[in-house]
Amino acid sequence: MLTSAKKLRLAGHGSRLRVRTHGDWSDALAGVGECCRASFALDKALAESIGRARSAGRSWAEIGKALGAAENAQTWAEKLEVNSRIELARVASHHDQRASDQREIAD
């Protein structure tokens, strides 16, 4: 029997962005691992985008708005979710900056 490897694809853009699955997803635990790796890659891309926005002079308030944080968020859960994304991005951005600094020192 011919099976194909698991694949995740992003399709669309803007509010119509979706994740599509292709291949054999019958092994649920392997699927969890694949999704986790994809999530990590997306978090890294988010952190890099936030870093570029900060380098371009954008404020954390503007970045929060772009992440979907409403000034009048209805629940603490909404605020916590967005704050977690921002904090994750700050940590990743700081980590990337430290790695870049270390590469410059090594060179």
N, C-alpha and C. Protein backbone atom coordinates (compact mmCIF):
# COMPACT_ATOMS: atom_id res chain seq x y z
N MET A 1 0.84 -1.18 0.00
CA MET A 1 0.00 0.00 0.00
C MET A 1 0.88 1.24 0.00
N LEU A 2 0.62 2.14 -0.88
CA LEU A 2 1.38 3.38 -1.00
C LEU A 2 0.77 4.46 -0.12
N THR A 3 1.58 5.01 0.78
CA THR A 3 1.10 6.12 1.62
C THR A 3 2.04 7.29 1.43
N SER A 4 1.52 8.45 1.70
CA SER A 4 2.36 9.64 1.56
C SER A 4 2.62 10.25 2.93
N ALA A 5 3.71 10.96 3.03
CA ALA A 5 4.10 11.59 4.29
C ALA A 5 3.12 12.68 4.68
N LYS A 6 3.04 12.91 5.98
CA LYS A 6 2.20 13.99 6.49
C LYS A 6 2.73 15.33 6.01
N LYS A 7 1.81 16.19 5.61
CA LYS A 7 2.20 17.54 5.21
C LYS A 7 1.15 18.51 5.71
N LEU A 8 1.61 19.64 6.16
CA LEU A 8 0.74 20.76 6.51
C LEU A 8 1.01 21.88 5.54
N ARG A 9 -0.02 22.47 5.02
CA ARG A 9 0.13 23.58 4.07
C ARG A 9 -0.73 24.74 4.51
N LEU A 10 -0.19 25.93 4.40
CA LEU A 10 -0.99 27.13 4.62
C LEU A 10 -1.60 27.52 3.29
N ALA A 11 -2.88 27.81 3.30
CA ALA A 11 -3.57 28.20 2.07
C ALA A 11 -4.34 29.48 2.33
N GLY A 12 -4.40 30.33 1.31
CA GLY A 12 -5.14 31.58 1.43
C GLY A 12 -4.28 32.68 2.03
N HIS A 13 -4.94 33.76 2.42
CA HIS A 13 -4.23 34.87 3.05
C HIS A 13 -5.23 35.71 3.84
N GLY A 14 -4.70 36.57 4.68
CA GLY A 14 -5.57 37.43 5.49
C GLY A 14 -6.52 36.62 6.35
N SER A 15 -7.76 37.07 6.43
CA SER A 15 -8.74 36.39 7.27
C SER A 15 -9.15 35.03 6.70
N ARG A 16 -8.72 34.72 5.49
CA ARG A 16 -9.07 33.44 4.87
C ARG A 16 -7.91 32.43 4.92
N LEU A 17 -6.90 32.71 5.72
CA LEU A 17 -5.77 31.80 5.86
C LEU A 17 -6.21 30.53 6.58
N ARG A 18 -5.88 29.39 6.03
CA ARG A 18 -6.27 28.10 6.59
C ARG A 18 -5.09 27.13 6.53
N VAL A 19 -5.15 26.13 7.39
CA VAL A 19 -4.16 25.04 7.36
C VAL A 19 -4.82 23.84 6.71
N ARG A 20 -4.14 23.28 5.75
CA ARG A 20 -4.63 22.09 5.05
C ARG A 20 -3.70 20.91 5.37
N THR A 21 -4.27 19.75 5.55
CA THR A 21 -3.46 18.56 5.78
C THR A 21 -3.48 17.70 4.52
N HIS A 22 -2.34 17.08 4.25
CA HIS A 22 -2.20 16.18 3.11
C HIS A 22 -1.41 14.97 3.58
N GLY A 23 -1.64 13.86 2.94
CA GLY A 23 -0.90 12.65 3.28
C GLY A 23 -1.61 11.80 4.31
N ASP A 24 -0.86 10.86 4.89
CA ASP A 24 -1.38 9.88 5.83
C ASP A 24 -1.30 10.41 7.26
N TRP A 25 -2.44 10.72 7.85
CA TRP A 25 -2.52 11.24 9.21
C TRP A 25 -3.12 10.20 10.16
N SER A 26 -3.04 8.92 9.83
CA SER A 26 -3.65 7.88 10.65
C SER A 26 -2.92 7.69 11.98
N ASP A 27 -1.64 8.00 12.06
CA ASP A 27 -0.89 7.91 13.32
C ASP A 27 -1.07 9.22 14.08
N ALA A 28 -1.97 9.18 15.06
CA ALA A 28 -2.35 10.41 15.77
C ALA A 28 -1.18 11.06 16.49
N LEU A 29 -0.33 10.28 17.14
CA LEU A 29 0.79 10.88 17.88
C LEU A 29 1.81 11.52 16.95
N ALA A 30 2.05 10.89 15.82
CA ALA A 30 2.95 11.51 14.84
C ALA A 30 2.35 12.81 14.34
N GLY A 31 1.04 12.85 14.21
CA GLY A 31 0.35 14.08 13.81
C GLY A 31 0.52 15.18 14.84
N VAL A 32 0.46 14.81 16.11
CA VAL A 32 0.67 15.79 17.19
C VAL A 32 2.07 16.39 17.06
N GLY A 33 3.06 15.53 16.84
CA GLY A 33 4.43 16.01 16.69
C GLY A 33 4.59 16.93 15.49
N GLU A 34 3.98 16.55 14.37
CA GLU A 34 4.06 17.36 13.16
C GLU A 34 3.44 18.74 13.38
N CYS A 35 2.28 18.75 14.04
CA CYS A 35 1.60 20.03 14.33
C CYS A 35 2.43 20.88 15.30
N CYS A 36 3.06 20.24 16.27
CA CYS A 36 3.90 20.97 17.22
C CYS A 36 5.07 21.64 16.50
N ARG A 37 5.71 20.91 15.60
CA ARG A 37 6.83 21.49 14.84
C ARG A 37 6.35 22.65 13.97
N ALA A 38 5.18 22.50 13.38
CA ALA A 38 4.63 23.59 12.56
C ALA A 38 4.31 24.79 13.42
N SER A 39 3.76 24.55 14.61
CA SER A 39 3.43 25.64 15.53
C SER A 39 4.70 26.40 15.93
N PHE A 40 5.77 25.66 16.20
CA PHE A 40 7.04 26.29 16.57
C PHE A 40 7.55 27.16 15.42
N ALA A 41 7.45 26.65 14.20
CA ALA A 41 7.91 27.42 13.04
C ALA A 41 7.09 28.69 12.87
N LEU A 42 5.77 28.61 13.09
CA LEU A 42 4.93 29.79 12.99
C LEU A 42 5.24 30.79 14.10
N ASP A 43 5.49 30.29 15.32
CA ASP A 43 5.86 31.18 16.42
C ASP A 43 7.16 31.91 16.11
N LYS A 44 8.11 31.20 15.51
CA LYS A 44 9.38 31.83 15.14
C LYS A 44 9.16 32.90 14.07
N ALA A 45 8.31 32.60 13.08
CA ALA A 45 8.01 33.59 12.05
C ALA A 45 7.33 34.81 12.66
N LEU A 46 6.44 34.58 13.61
CA LEU A 46 5.77 35.68 14.30
C LEU A 46 6.78 36.54 15.05
N ALA A 47 7.69 35.88 15.77
CA ALA A 47 8.70 36.62 16.52
C ALA A 47 9.59 37.44 15.59
N GLU A 48 9.95 36.88 14.45
CA GLU A 48 10.77 37.62 13.49
C GLU A 48 10.01 38.82 12.94
N SER A 49 8.73 38.63 12.66
CA SER A 49 7.91 39.74 12.15
C SER A 49 7.77 40.84 13.19
N ILE A 50 7.59 40.44 14.43
CA ILE A 50 7.49 41.44 15.51
C ILE A 50 8.82 42.16 15.67
N GLY A 51 9.91 41.43 15.57
CA GLY A 51 11.22 42.07 15.65
C GLY A 51 11.41 43.10 14.54
N ARG A 52 10.96 42.77 13.33
CA ARG A 52 11.07 43.73 12.23
C ARG A 52 10.17 44.95 12.48
N ALA A 53 8.99 44.70 13.03
CA ALA A 53 8.08 45.81 13.34
C ALA A 53 8.70 46.72 14.40
N ARG A 54 9.30 46.13 15.42
CA ARG A 54 9.94 46.94 16.47
C ARG A 54 11.13 47.72 15.89
N SER A 55 11.90 47.06 15.02
CA SER A 55 13.04 47.74 14.39
C SER A 55 12.58 48.90 13.52
N ALA A 56 11.38 48.78 12.98
CA ALA A 56 10.81 49.84 12.14
C ALA A 56 10.14 50.93 12.97
N GLY A 57 10.24 50.81 14.30
CA GLY A 57 9.71 51.85 15.17
C GLY A 57 8.27 51.66 15.61
N ARG A 58 7.68 50.51 15.34
CA ARG A 58 6.29 50.26 15.76
C ARG A 58 6.24 50.02 17.26
N SER A 59 5.18 50.51 17.90
CA SER A 59 5.03 50.36 19.35
C SER A 59 4.45 49.00 19.68
N TRP A 60 4.60 48.61 20.96
CA TRP A 60 4.00 47.36 21.41
C TRP A 60 2.48 47.44 21.32
N ALA A 61 1.92 48.62 21.50
CA ALA A 61 0.46 48.78 21.37
C ALA A 61 0.02 48.49 19.94
N GLU A 62 0.77 48.98 18.95
CA GLU A 62 0.44 48.71 17.55
C GLU A 62 0.58 47.22 17.23
N ILE A 63 1.63 46.62 17.77
CA ILE A 63 1.85 45.19 17.54
C ILE A 63 0.73 44.39 18.19
N GLY A 64 0.35 44.76 19.39
CA GLY A 64 -0.75 44.09 20.06
C GLY A 64 -2.04 44.18 19.26
N LYS A 65 -2.28 45.34 18.68
CA LYS A 65 -3.48 45.51 17.84
C LYS A 65 -3.41 44.61 16.62
N ALA A 66 -2.22 44.51 16.01
CA ALA A 66 -2.06 43.63 14.85
C ALA A 66 -2.25 42.17 15.22
N LEU A 67 -1.94 41.82 16.48
CA LEU A 67 -2.13 40.45 16.95
C LEU A 67 -3.59 40.17 17.32
N GLY A 68 -4.40 41.20 17.26
CA GLY A 68 -5.81 41.00 17.56
C GLY A 68 -6.20 41.38 18.97
N ALA A 69 -5.33 42.06 19.68
CA ALA A 69 -5.65 42.49 21.04
C ALA A 69 -6.50 43.74 20.95
N ALA A 70 -7.72 43.64 21.41
CA ALA A 70 -8.60 44.81 21.43
C ALA A 70 -8.38 45.55 22.74
N GLU A 71 -8.40 46.86 22.67
CA GLU A 71 -8.25 47.63 23.90
C GLU A 71 -9.37 47.31 24.87
N ASN A 72 -10.50 46.91 24.35
CA ASN A 72 -11.63 46.59 25.21
C ASN A 72 -11.91 45.09 25.20
N ALA A 73 -10.85 44.27 25.32
CA ALA A 73 -11.02 42.82 25.33
C ALA A 73 -12.07 42.45 26.37
N GLN A 74 -12.95 41.55 26.01
CA GLN A 74 -14.10 41.22 26.85
C GLN A 74 -13.74 40.39 28.08
N THR A 75 -12.72 39.57 27.97
CA THR A 75 -12.40 38.69 29.09
C THR A 75 -10.91 38.72 29.39
N TRP A 76 -10.58 38.29 30.59
CA TRP A 76 -9.18 38.18 30.95
C TRP A 76 -8.51 37.11 30.09
N ALA A 77 -9.26 36.09 29.69
CA ALA A 77 -8.68 35.04 28.85
C ALA A 77 -8.20 35.62 27.53
N GLU A 78 -8.99 36.53 26.93
CA GLU A 78 -8.57 37.17 25.68
C GLU A 78 -7.29 37.96 25.90
N LYS A 79 -7.25 38.72 26.99
CA LYS A 79 -6.06 39.52 27.28
C LYS A 79 -4.85 38.62 27.53
N LEU A 80 -5.07 37.54 28.29
CA LEU A 80 -3.98 36.63 28.61
C LEU A 80 -3.43 35.97 27.35
N GLU A 81 -4.32 35.55 26.45
CA GLU A 81 -3.88 34.91 25.21
C GLU A 81 -3.01 35.85 24.40
N VAL A 82 -3.43 37.07 24.21
CA VAL A 82 -2.66 38.03 23.42
C VAL A 82 -1.37 38.39 24.15
N ASN A 83 -1.44 38.60 25.46
CA ASN A 83 -0.24 38.92 26.22
C ASN A 83 0.77 37.78 26.14
N SER A 84 0.29 36.53 26.13
CA SER A 84 1.18 35.39 26.01
C SER A 84 1.88 35.40 24.66
N ARG A 85 1.15 35.73 23.60
CA ARG A 85 1.76 35.81 22.27
C ARG A 85 2.83 36.90 22.23
N ILE A 86 2.52 38.04 22.82
CA ILE A 86 3.48 39.14 22.82
C ILE A 86 4.71 38.76 23.63
N GLU A 87 4.51 38.14 24.80
CA GLU A 87 5.64 37.75 25.63
C GLU A 87 6.49 36.70 24.93
N LEU A 88 5.85 35.73 24.28
CA LEU A 88 6.59 34.73 23.52
C LEU A 88 7.42 35.40 22.43
N ALA A 89 6.83 36.35 21.76
CA ALA A 89 7.55 37.06 20.70
C ALA A 89 8.72 37.86 21.27
N ARG A 90 8.53 38.49 22.43
CA ARG A 90 9.62 39.24 23.06
C ARG A 90 10.78 38.31 23.40
N VAL A 91 10.46 37.16 24.00
CA VAL A 91 11.50 36.20 24.38
C VAL A 91 12.23 35.69 23.14
N ALA A 92 11.48 35.31 22.12
CA ALA A 92 12.10 34.80 20.89
C ALA A 92 12.94 35.87 20.22
N SER A 93 12.45 37.10 20.20
CA SER A 93 13.19 38.20 19.60
C SER A 93 14.50 38.44 20.37
N HIS A 94 14.41 38.40 21.70
CA HIS A 94 15.60 38.57 22.53
C HIS A 94 16.60 37.44 22.28
N HIS A 95 16.08 36.21 22.18
CA HIS A 95 16.94 35.05 21.91
C HIS A 95 17.63 35.20 20.56
N ASP A 96 16.88 35.60 19.54
CA ASP A 96 17.45 35.77 18.20
C ASP A 96 18.51 36.86 18.21
N GLN A 97 18.28 37.94 18.96
CA GLN A 97 19.26 39.03 19.04
C GLN A 97 20.53 38.55 19.72
N ARG A 98 20.39 37.78 20.81
CA ARG A 98 21.57 37.25 21.50
C ARG A 98 22.36 36.33 20.59
N ALA A 99 21.66 35.47 19.83
CA ALA A 99 22.34 34.57 18.90
C ALA A 99 23.08 35.35 17.84
N SER A 100 22.46 36.42 17.34
CA SER A 100 23.09 37.26 16.33
C SER A 100 24.33 37.94 16.90
N ASP A 101 24.22 38.44 18.13
CA ASP A 101 25.36 39.08 18.79
C ASP A 101 26.51 38.09 18.96
N GLN A 102 26.18 36.86 19.36
CA GLN A 102 27.21 35.86 19.56
C GLN A 102 27.89 35.50 18.24
N ARG A 103 27.12 35.45 17.14
CA ARG A 103 27.73 35.18 15.84
C ARG A 103 28.69 36.29 15.45
N GLU A 104 28.31 37.55 15.73
CA GLU A 104 29.17 38.68 15.40
C GLU A 104 30.46 38.64 16.21
N ILE A 105 30.36 38.23 17.46
CA ILE A 105 31.55 38.13 18.31
C ILE A 105 32.47 37.04 17.79
N ALA A 106 31.87 35.91 17.36
CA ALA A 106 32.66 34.78 16.86
C ALA A 106 33.37 35.12 15.55
N ASP A 107 32.75 36.00 14.76
CA ASP A 107 33.35 36.36 13.47
C ASP A 107 34.47 37.32 13.71
